Amino acid sequence: MNPDMLVVARESRGLTQGQLAAASGVPQGTISKAENGLITMAEEKAQALADQLGYTRDVLDWDAQVYGFGSSSFYHRKQQALPQSRLKQIQATFNLARLRTNLLTKGLDIESSYSFEPFDPDDYESPEHIARLVRAMWHVPMGPIRDIARLIENAGGVVIRSDFDTHRISAISQWVPGERPIFVCNSAMSADRERFSLAHEAAHILMHDRPRETQEAEADAFAAEFLMPAAEIRPQLANGIDLGRAAQLKTYWRVSMSAIIHRARDLDCITASRAKSLYIQMSQHGWLKKEPVEIDRDQTRFLTGVVNAQLHQNGYTVQELSKLTGILPDEFTRLYLPEQQTRLSLVTKE
């Protein structure tokens, strides 16, 4: 048994050692010693833990590297405001998503239209300069990016949605050498917020192979220029904006009204006092939490395409793929074949 995988499996379900012990019948002391690599757990006890956690037994034996929030390739937002138990669960869920992605793509010949290339911010004029270079490198046409999730996946990344059970973290990204960049987004986010968060995390992947004090501000600057190039949006903001104009621009640029207002201020198209006034108006309407204009959510296609290729080209069954990824068929279908699960749900209701 890999002690790290036992910890990850337990924490991904949001359980303490005591809670898992009570549910599985395996003594907490035994679980603690196994997680610290001090004992070899009896097979029946290991199976009891796996059954209680909803994973296949072999997950606990995976010879895999687990990455934590402290590693230089791992980024997330507003970490410190969350309880440690929630952070551990999100970290564990992310690690399992990355490991399952590696297993599902193993042996497949997958070509990308372009790629992620590292940029050292100290070698360039500004994060905005890097954003313009990346748009050119990825052949992004002028105007808004219609689907940033697809753009990231066409560059070799993988976009996954997961319920973080908190609003304090928008997205997490990680790029382990030799693997694909992974982006996990909080499924509770609005579509416009998700798009900005993806651009923000893409900035971390592209520019921050090591932590730096200015990385959050740099990532925000990159995201703003990447999604709303100054040369193109400035003329649309030149005469200032009100909330109606911000809503119109939101539908075009596919970013939040708040982001539009912030962009107008950054580009000196409105004053700081005018921006504050607009934010106050939005707050009075309750629009800082939920804006009145909604946009369609970007589509994630990579993992669904990989699973379908394994099913229809390589002859795998759902049961075989669920075993490969260490989860039960129902959870596999929910995570990787949501359309199929929706169809089954409709049939059941009928």
Foldseek 3Di string as FASTA:
>chain_A
DALVLLLLLQLLQLDDLVRLCVQQVPDSVVNVCVNVVNDDDDPVSLCSSLVSSQWHSCSNVDPDDADACPAQQKDWFQVVVDDPSLRSNVSSVVRLVQVLVCLLCPPPDDDAPAAAAADAQVVDDALLVVLVVVCVRLVPDPFFDPFVLVSLVSRQEAEFEDASVDPRIAKMWGDDPPHGIYIYGHPPDAQQSNLLVVQLNSSCNHHGSGDDPCSNVRSNSSSLCNLPNCVPCCVLLQQHDAQVSLLVVCQGSVHHSLSVLVVCPVSVSDDPVVSVVRVVVCVVVVVVVPNPDGDDHHDGDVLLVSVVCCVPVVPDDLCRSSNSSGHHSVVSCVRRVVVVVVVVVVVVVD
